[in-house]
Amino acid sequence: MNRDDVVRAALATAEAMASDRLRREDARLYSQHSRLQNRQAGLRSWGANESDLRLRDAIQLLHAGTILKEDGNDRWRQCFQRCGELLEWLSHPNMQLSKVPVQLLSAAAYVVAGFPARADALLRDADDGRYSAILRSFIRGNLATTLDEVRTYWQEHSNRQRSTPTQSSDDYVASRLVEEVIRALGVICSSARWADESRTAAAVEKLDALARIYASDRDPYSWLLARLRPCTTIKQPRWY
């Protein structure tokens, strides 16, 4: 499949799944989400695999949006917005997706689509113990807090290194990848504060390279989060 075919497929996805009118499947998801949020019983007809199917749709929209964005087609924003909506509606614990960072992915998609307020509201009340504090504050656009969390991470990391036995090769590689992501986020935050665009560009390039590495990982959601790199799109980050 050549590049033109890939773009046409992405446009077809945008037409079918990201129009102004919700598909029946998406309307069902929204209804299920609304019922659960209001502590009501879910839809009687809700199928056991529907959450997984809508998650696949969200990932398909993210892929399509990425392709269209790289191609300069304005439909990419609709793809990311609908992706964020589907993921938000999948975020209730009763959707049985506890192993997927649904809220983080939803918030990141919203930021890239140009809806940082939605992302902030979604993560403001997220379970602090479930998600990385660094990622939560970064996606919310609170770069000052992100820098504080990065400093805390490196302080704790130094203590862990002194007390942790030798790692296996797989664990060592995984930990090094995490460290490189955190280094890149720290550079982006500090560079944004001092308007050093050259360092920001280098850090974003590193995140893109890390995303390509994560693409071969068994956990696809690490790749998605790395690929979204949401806060590099925020024009007015928060320093409070």
C-alpha atoms as a PDB file:
ATOM      1  CA  MET A   1       0.000   0.000   0.000  1.00  0.00           C
ATOM      2  CA  ASN A   2       1.563   3.315  -1.061  1.00  0.00           C
ATOM      3  CA  ARG A   3       1.291   6.620   0.807  1.00  0.00           C
ATOM      4  CA  ASP A   4      -1.718   7.841  -1.187  1.00  0.00           C
ATOM      5  CA  ASP A   5      -3.602   4.648  -0.342  1.00  0.00           C
ATOM      6  CA  VAL A   6      -2.753   5.066   3.344  1.00  0.00           C
ATOM      7  CA  VAL A   7      -4.056   8.640   3.350  1.00  0.00           C
ATOM      8  CA  ARG A   8      -7.242   7.603   1.536  1.00  0.00           C
ATOM      9  CA  ALA A   9      -7.816   4.871   4.131  1.00  0.00           C
ATOM     10  CA  ALA A  10      -7.313   7.405   6.928  1.00  0.00           C
ATOM     11  CA  LEU A  11      -9.805   9.774   5.276  1.00  0.00           C
ATOM     12  CA  ALA A  12     -12.307   6.941   4.984  1.00  0.00           C
ATOM     13  CA  THR A  13     -11.910   6.298   8.711  1.00  0.00           C
ATOM     14  CA  ALA A  14     -12.487   9.983   9.445  1.00  0.00           C
ATOM     15  CA  GLU A  15     -15.614  10.025   7.268  1.00  0.00           C
ATOM     16  CA  ALA A  16     -17.041   6.866   8.827  1.00  0.00           C
ATOM     17  CA  MET A  17     -16.099   7.364  12.484  1.00  0.00           C
ATOM     18  CA  ALA A  18     -15.474  11.066  13.173  1.00  0.00           C
ATOM     19  CA  SER A  19     -18.387  12.907  11.584  1.00  0.00           C
ATOM     20  CA  ASP A  20     -20.586  15.361  13.514  1.00  0.00           C
ATOM     21  CA  ARG A  21     -23.187  12.637  13.992  1.00  0.00           C
ATOM     22  CA  LEU A  22     -22.438   9.766  16.357  1.00  0.00           C
ATOM     23  CA  ARG A  23     -22.556   6.255  14.999  1.00  0.00           C
ATOM     24  CA  ARG A  24     -25.019   3.901  16.677  1.00  0.00           C
ATOM     25  CA  GLU A  25     -22.148   2.082  18.396  1.00  0.00           C
ATOM     26  CA  ASP A  26     -20.760   5.315  19.806  1.00  0.00           C
ATOM     27  CA  ALA A  27     -24.189   6.505  20.956  1.00  0.00           C
ATOM     28  CA  ARG A  28     -24.573   3.219  22.843  1.00  0.00           C
ATOM     29  CA  LEU A  29     -21.196   3.768  24.488  1.00  0.00           C
ATOM     30  CA  TYR A  30     -22.147   7.307  25.509  1.00  0.00           C
ATOM     31  CA  SER A  31     -25.442   6.041  26.946  1.00  0.00           C
ATOM     32  CA  GLN A  32     -23.664   3.296  28.877  1.00  0.00           C
ATOM     33  CA  HIS A  33     -21.116   5.789  30.205  1.00  0.00           C
ATOM     34  CA  SER A  34     -23.822   8.264  31.262  1.00  0.00           C
ATOM     35  CA  ARG A  35     -25.765   5.563  33.125  1.00  0.00           C
ATOM     36  CA  LEU A  36     -22.711   4.325  34.987  1.00  0.00           C
ATOM     37  CA  GLN A  37     -21.576   7.867  35.832  1.00  0.00           C
ATOM     38  CA  ASN A  38     -25.008   8.531  37.347  1.00  0.00           C
ATOM     39  CA  ARG A  39     -24.811   5.285  39.348  1.00  0.00           C
ATOM     40  CA  GLN A  40     -27.542   3.661  37.336  1.00  0.00           C
ATOM     41  CA  ALA A  41     -27.636   0.175  35.915  1.00  0.00           C
ATOM     42  CA  GLY A  42     -25.920  -0.151  32.563  1.00  0.00           C
ATOM     43  CA  LEU A  43     -27.691  -0.990  29.325  1.00  0.00           C
ATOM     44  CA  ARG A  44     -29.237  -4.445  29.471  1.00  0.00           C
ATOM     45  CA  SER A  45     -28.127  -5.086  25.918  1.00  0.00           C
ATOM     46  CA  TRP A  46     -24.511  -4.028  26.551  1.00  0.00           C
ATOM     47  CA  GLY A  47     -22.286  -6.811  25.236  1.00  0.00           C
ATOM     48  CA  ALA A  48     -19.272  -8.203  27.073  1.00  0.00           C
ATOM     49  CA  ASN A  49     -16.919  -7.312  24.215  1.00  0.00           C
ATOM     50  CA  GLU A  50     -18.263  -3.850  23.352  1.00  0.00           C
ATOM     51  CA  SER A  51     -15.715  -2.010  25.491  1.00  0.00           C
ATOM     52  CA  ASP A  52     -12.871  -3.753  23.685  1.00  0.00           C
ATOM     53  CA  LEU A  53     -14.418  -2.993  20.287  1.00  0.00           C
ATOM     54  CA  ARG A  54     -14.811   0.714  21.059  1.00  0.00           C
ATOM     55  CA  LEU A  55     -11.234   0.794  22.368  1.00  0.00           C
ATOM     56  CA  ARG A  56     -10.085  -0.592  19.008  1.00  0.00           C
ATOM     57  CA  ASP A  57     -12.124   2.117  17.280  1.00  0.00           C
ATOM     58  CA  ALA A  58     -10.414   4.790  19.367  1.00  0.00           C
ATOM     59  CA  ILE A  59      -6.980   3.439  18.461  1.00  0.00           C
ATOM     60  CA  GLN A  60      -7.978   3.303  14.787  1.00  0.00           C
ATOM     61  CA  LEU A  61      -9.008   6.969  14.982  1.00  0.00           C
ATOM     62  CA  LEU A  62      -5.712   7.860  16.612  1.00  0.00           C
ATOM     63  CA  HIS A  63      -3.777   6.158  13.821  1.00  0.00           C
ATOM     64  CA  ALA A  64      -5.927   7.855  11.170  1.00  0.00           C
ATOM     65  CA  GLY A  65      -5.550  11.239  12.836  1.00  0.00           C
ATOM     66  CA  THR A  66      -1.771  10.847  12.988  1.00  0.00           C
ATOM     67  CA  ILE A  67      -1.606  10.032   9.268  1.00  0.00           C
ATOM     68  CA  LEU A  68      -3.853  12.950   8.303  1.00  0.00           C
ATOM     69  CA  LYS A  69      -1.947  15.355  10.547  1.00  0.00           C
ATOM     70  CA  GLU A  70       1.337  14.383   8.888  1.00  0.00           C
ATOM     71  CA  ASP A  71      -0.353  14.837   5.494  1.00  0.00           C
ATOM     72  CA  GLY A  72      -1.606  18.324   6.388  1.00  0.00           C
ATOM     73  CA  ASN A  73      -5.292  17.367   6.173  1.00  0.00           C
ATOM     74  CA  ASP A  74      -7.543  19.299   8.585  1.00  0.00           C
ATOM     75  CA  ARG A  75      -9.702  16.248   9.292  1.00  0.00           C
ATOM     76  CA  TRP A  76      -7.068  15.027  11.738  1.00  0.00           C
ATOM     77  CA  ARG A  77      -8.535  17.151  14.536  1.00  0.00           C
ATOM     78  CA  GLN A  78     -11.916  15.434  14.243  1.00  0.00           C
ATOM     79  CA  CYS A  79     -10.212  12.063  14.509  1.00  0.00           C
ATOM     80  CA  PHE A  80      -8.353  13.032  17.678  1.00  0.00           C
ATOM     81  CA  GLN A  81     -11.428  14.643  19.203  1.00  0.00           C
ATOM     82  CA  ARG A  82     -13.624  11.592  18.611  1.00  0.00           C
ATOM     83  CA  CYS A  83     -10.788   9.363  19.834  1.00  0.00           C
ATOM     84  CA  GLY A  84     -10.675  11.395  23.061  1.00  0.00           C
ATOM     85  CA  GLU A  85     -14.454  11.158  23.449  1.00  0.00           C
ATOM     86  CA  LEU A  86     -14.563   7.391  22.990  1.00  0.00           C
ATOM     87  CA  LEU A  87     -11.749   6.914  25.484  1.00  0.00           C
ATOM     88  CA  GLU A  88     -13.402   9.255  27.992  1.00  0.00           C
ATOM     89  CA  TRP A  89     -16.639   7.282  27.715  1.00  0.00           C
ATOM     90  CA  LEU A  90     -14.647   4.096  28.292  1.00  0.00           C
ATOM     91  CA  SER A  91     -13.001   5.436  31.438  1.00  0.00           C
ATOM     92  CA  HIS A  92     -15.557   4.240  34.005  1.00  0.00           C
ATOM     93  CA  PRO A  93     -14.185   1.296  36.055  1.00  0.00           C
ATOM     94  CA  ASN A  94     -17.182  -0.854  35.133  1.00  0.00           C
ATOM     95  CA  MET A  95     -16.068  -0.780  31.506  1.00  0.00           C
ATOM     96  CA  GLN A  96     -13.529  -3.457  32.546  1.00  0.00           C
ATOM     97  CA  LEU A  97     -10.502  -1.738  31.010  1.00  0.00           C
ATOM     98  CA  SER A  98      -8.484  -1.297  34.199  1.00  0.00           C
ATOM     99  CA  LYS A  99      -5.227  -2.417  32.532  1.00  0.00           C
ATOM    100  CA  VAL A 100      -5.452   0.332  29.907  1.00  0.00           C
ATOM    101  CA  PRO A 101      -4.489   3.966  30.738  1.00  0.00           C
ATOM    102  CA  VAL A 102      -7.777   5.136  29.224  1.00  0.00           C
ATOM    103  CA  GLN A 103      -7.970   8.519  30.937  1.00  0.00           C
ATOM    104  CA  LEU A 104      -4.378   9.413  30.082  1.00  0.00           C
ATOM    105  CA  LEU A 105      -4.901   8.479  26.437  1.00  0.00           C
ATOM    106  CA  SER A 106      -8.190  10.382  26.293  1.00  0.00           C
ATOM    107  CA  ALA A 107      -6.684  13.497  27.856  1.00  0.00           C
ATOM    108  CA  ALA A 108      -3.667  13.358  25.536  1.00  0.00           C
ATOM    109  CA  ALA A 109      -5.923  13.059  22.486  1.00  0.00           C
ATOM    110  CA  TYR A 110      -7.990  16.029  23.688  1.00  0.00           C
ATOM    111  CA  VAL A 111      -4.885  18.196  24.126  1.00  0.00           C
ATOM    112  CA  VAL A 112      -3.579  17.378  20.658  1.00  0.00           C
ATOM    113  CA  ALA A 113      -7.034  18.117  19.205  1.00  0.00           C
ATOM    114  CA  GLY A 114      -7.027  21.535  20.881  1.00  0.00           C
ATOM    115  CA  PHE A 115      -9.222  20.894  23.946  1.00  0.00           C
ATOM    116  CA  PRO A 116      -6.854  21.237  26.940  1.00  0.00           C
ATOM    117  CA  ALA A 117      -9.700  22.154  29.301  1.00  0.00           C
ATOM    118  CA  ARG A 118     -11.335  18.777  28.672  1.00  0.00           C
ATOM    119  CA  ALA A 119      -8.052  17.049  29.402  1.00  0.00           C
ATOM    120  CA  ASP A 120      -7.578  19.010  32.609  1.00  0.00           C
ATOM    121  CA  ALA A 121     -11.086  18.188  33.832  1.00  0.00           C
ATOM    122  CA  LEU A 122     -10.642  14.514  32.990  1.00  0.00           C
ATOM    123  CA  LEU A 123      -7.373  14.124  34.903  1.00  0.00           C
ATOM    124  CA  ARG A 124      -8.077  16.513  37.770  1.00  0.00           C
ATOM    125  CA  ASP A 125      -9.980  13.844  39.689  1.00  0.00           C
ATOM    126  CA  ALA A 126      -8.150  10.812  38.296  1.00  0.00           C
ATOM    127  CA  ASP A 127      -6.884   8.242  40.781  1.00  0.00           C
ATOM    128  CA  ASP A 128      -3.465   9.540  41.876  1.00  0.00           C
ATOM    129  CA  GLY A 129      -2.193   6.059  42.585  1.00  0.00           C
ATOM    130  CA  ARG A 130      -3.074   4.635  39.186  1.00  0.00           C
ATOM    131  CA  TYR A 131      -1.254   6.978  36.833  1.00  0.00           C
ATOM    132  CA  SER A 132       2.204   8.488  36.786  1.00  0.00           C
ATOM    133  CA  ALA A 133       2.169  11.882  38.491  1.00  0.00           C
ATOM    134  CA  ILE A 134       4.630  13.130  35.873  1.00  0.00           C
ATOM    135  CA  LEU A 135       2.356  12.186  32.971  1.00  0.00           C
ATOM    136  CA  ARG A 136      -0.783  13.504  34.686  1.00  0.00           C
ATOM    137  CA  SER A 137       0.695  16.950  35.293  1.00  0.00           C
ATOM    138  CA  PHE A 138       2.380  17.061  31.868  1.00  0.00           C
ATOM    139  CA  ILE A 139      -0.791  16.209  29.977  1.00  0.00           C
ATOM    140  CA  ARG A 140      -2.734  18.732  32.068  1.00  0.00           C
ATOM    141  CA  GLY A 141      -0.263  21.353  30.875  1.00  0.00           C
ATOM    142  CA  ASN A 142       0.981  22.152  34.379  1.00  0.00           C
ATOM    143  CA  LEU A 143       4.660  22.265  33.517  1.00  0.00           C
ATOM    144  CA  ALA A 144       5.839  23.679  36.850  1.00  0.00           C
ATOM    145  CA  THR A 145       4.351  20.704  38.693  1.00  0.00           C
ATOM    146  CA  THR A 146       5.792  18.378  36.064  1.00  0.00           C
ATOM    147  CA  LEU A 147       9.284  19.738  36.751  1.00  0.00           C
ATOM    148  CA  ASP A 148       8.762  19.199  40.475  1.00  0.00           C
ATOM    149  CA  GLU A 149       7.652  15.620  39.840  1.00  0.00           C
ATOM    150  CA  VAL A 150      10.660  15.018  37.573  1.00  0.00           C
ATOM    151  CA  ARG A 151      13.015  16.234  40.313  1.00  0.00           C
ATOM    152  CA  THR A 152      11.297  13.942  42.820  1.00  0.00           C
ATOM    153  CA  TYR A 153      11.635  11.027  40.414  1.00  0.00           C
ATOM    154  CA  TRP A 154      15.406  11.501  40.049  1.00  0.00           C
ATOM    155  CA  GLN A 155      15.884  11.839  43.790  1.00  0.00           C
ATOM    156  CA  GLU A 156      13.981   8.607  44.399  1.00  0.00           C
ATOM    157  CA  HIS A 157      15.731   6.973  41.442  1.00  0.00           C
ATOM    158  CA  SER A 158      19.117   7.627  43.013  1.00  0.00           C
ATOM    159  CA  ASN A 159      17.960   5.975  46.243  1.00  0.00           C
ATOM    160  CA  ARG A 160      16.534   2.990  44.345  1.00  0.00           C
ATOM    161  CA  GLN A 161      19.773   2.443  42.468  1.00  0.00           C
ATOM    162  CA  ARG A 162      21.681   2.100  45.728  1.00  0.00           C
ATOM    163  CA  SER A 163      19.231  -0.444  47.142  1.00  0.00           C
ATOM    164  CA  THR A 164      18.087  -2.421  44.058  1.00  0.00           C
ATOM    165  CA  PRO A 165      19.895  -5.649  43.081  1.00  0.00           C
ATOM    166  CA  THR A 166      21.188  -6.211  39.555  1.00  0.00           C
ATOM    167  CA  GLN A 167      18.367  -6.069  36.986  1.00  0.00           C
ATOM    168  CA  SER A 168      17.657  -8.551  34.221  1.00  0.00           C
ATOM    169  CA  SER A 169      18.443  -7.342  30.713  1.00  0.00           C
ATOM    170  CA  ASP A 170      14.737  -6.821  29.921  1.00  0.00           C
ATOM    171  CA  ASP A 171      14.152  -4.841  33.109  1.00  0.00           C
ATOM    172  CA  TYR A 172      17.274  -2.780  32.474  1.00  0.00           C
ATOM    173  CA  VAL A 173      16.120  -1.838  28.955  1.00  0.00           C
ATOM    174  CA  ALA A 174      12.608  -1.002  30.193  1.00  0.00           C
ATOM    175  CA  SER A 175      13.958   1.199  32.992  1.00  0.00           C
ATOM    176  CA  ARG A 176      16.334   2.990  30.618  1.00  0.00           C
ATOM    177  CA  LEU A 177      13.455   3.767  28.240  1.00  0.00           C
ATOM    178  CA  VAL A 178      11.439   5.235  31.102  1.00  0.00           C
ATOM    179  CA  GLU A 179      14.446   7.317  32.151  1.00  0.00           C
ATOM    180  CA  GLU A 180      14.891   8.688  28.628  1.00  0.00           C
ATOM    181  CA  VAL A 181      11.201   9.619  28.412  1.00  0.00           C
ATOM    182  CA  ILE A 182      11.434  11.463  31.732  1.00  0.00           C
ATOM    183  CA  ARG A 183      14.620  13.238  30.639  1.00  0.00           C
ATOM    184  CA  ALA A 184      12.872  14.391  27.447  1.00  0.00           C
ATOM    185  CA  LEU A 185       9.830  15.625  29.385  1.00  0.00           C
ATOM    186  CA  GLY A 186      12.075  17.493  31.802  1.00  0.00           C
ATOM    187  CA  VAL A 187      13.877  19.203  28.923  1.00  0.00           C
ATOM    188  CA  ILE A 188      10.590  20.154  27.244  1.00  0.00           C
ATOM    189  CA  CYS A 189       9.255  21.715  30.462  1.00  0.00           C
ATOM    190  CA  SER A 190      12.421  23.631  31.332  1.00  0.00           C
ATOM    191  CA  SER A 191      12.939  24.751  27.718  1.00  0.00           C
ATOM    192  CA  ALA A 192       9.356  25.989  27.493  1.00  0.00           C
ATOM    193  CA  ARG A 193       9.924  28.021  30.621  1.00  0.00           C
ATOM    194  CA  TRP A 194      12.995  29.725  29.176  1.00  0.00           C
ATOM    195  CA  ALA A 195      11.745  29.809  25.545  1.00  0.00           C
ATOM    196  CA  ASP A 196      14.616  27.641  24.314  1.00  0.00           C
ATOM    197  CA  GLU A 197      13.053  26.247  21.148  1.00  0.00           C
ATOM    198  CA  SER A 198      16.203  24.416  20.025  1.00  0.00           C
ATOM    199  CA  ARG A 199      16.245  22.198  23.121  1.00  0.00           C
ATOM    200  CA  THR A 200      12.487  21.624  22.842  1.00  0.00           C
ATOM    201  CA  ALA A 201      12.853  20.436  19.241  1.00  0.00           C
ATOM    202  CA  ALA A 202      15.648  18.042  20.229  1.00  0.00           C
ATOM    203  CA  ALA A 203      13.558  16.623  23.092  1.00  0.00           C
ATOM    204  CA  VAL A 204      10.549  16.143  20.810  1.00  0.00           C
ATOM    205  CA  GLU A 205      12.777  14.301  18.332  1.00  0.00           C
ATOM    206  CA  LYS A 206      13.896  12.038  21.165  1.00  0.00           C
ATOM    207  CA  LEU A 207      10.268  11.310  22.109  1.00  0.00           C
ATOM    208  CA  ASP A 208       9.523  10.405  18.500  1.00  0.00           C
ATOM    209  CA  ALA A 209      12.498   8.018  18.485  1.00  0.00           C
ATOM    210  CA  LEU A 210      11.352   6.483  21.774  1.00  0.00           C
ATOM    211  CA  ALA A 211       7.854   6.068  20.316  1.00  0.00           C
ATOM    212  CA  ARG A 212       9.328   4.006  17.492  1.00  0.00           C
ATOM    213  CA  ILE A 213      11.078   1.803  20.046  1.00  0.00           C
ATOM    214  CA  TYR A 214       7.902   1.426  22.077  1.00  0.00           C
ATOM    215  CA  ALA A 215       6.059   0.404  18.889  1.00  0.00           C
ATOM    216  CA  SER A 216       7.746  -3.008  19.171  1.00  0.00           C
ATOM    217  CA  ASP A 217       6.777  -3.379  22.835  1.00  0.00           C
ATOM    218  CA  ARG A 218       4.160  -5.865  23.938  1.00  0.00           C
ATOM    219  CA  ASP A 219       2.179  -3.022  25.519  1.00  0.00           C
ATOM    220  CA  PRO A 220       0.794  -0.889  22.661  1.00  0.00           C
ATOM    221  CA  TYR A 221      -0.413   1.827  25.008  1.00  0.00           C
ATOM    222  CA  SER A 222       3.134   2.892  25.863  1.00  0.00           C
ATOM    223  CA  TRP A 223       3.639   3.599  22.168  1.00  0.00           C
ATOM    224  CA  LEU A 224       0.410   5.548  21.919  1.00  0.00           C
ATOM    225  CA  LEU A 225       1.277   7.781  24.861  1.00  0.00           C
ATOM    226  CA  ALA A 226       4.799   8.373  23.573  1.00  0.00           C
ATOM    227  CA  ARG A 227       3.490   9.118  20.077  1.00  0.00           C
ATOM    228  CA  LEU A 228       0.911  11.622  21.274  1.00  0.00           C
ATOM    229  CA  ARG A 229       3.486  13.815  23.122  1.00  0.00           C
ATOM    230  CA  PRO A 230       0.522  16.158  23.875  1.00  0.00           C
ATOM    231  CA  CYS A 231       1.942  19.098  25.789  1.00  0.00           C
ATOM    232  CA  THR A 232       4.332  20.067  23.018  1.00  0.00           C
ATOM    233  CA  THR A 233       1.191  21.451  21.323  1.00  0.00           C
ATOM    234  CA  ILE A 234       0.049  23.658  24.214  1.00  0.00           C
ATOM    235  CA  LYS A 235       0.601  27.308  23.334  1.00  0.00           C
ATOM    236  CA  GLN A 236       0.128  28.651  26.859  1.00  0.00           C
ATOM    237  CA  PRO A 237       1.307  26.096  29.443  1.00  0.00           C
ATOM    238  CA  ARG A 238       0.455  26.644  33.090  1.00  0.00           C
ATOM    239  CA  TRP A 239       3.214  27.662  35.470  1.00  0.00           C
ATOM    240  CA  TYR A 240       1.144  27.386  38.655  1.00  0.00           C
END
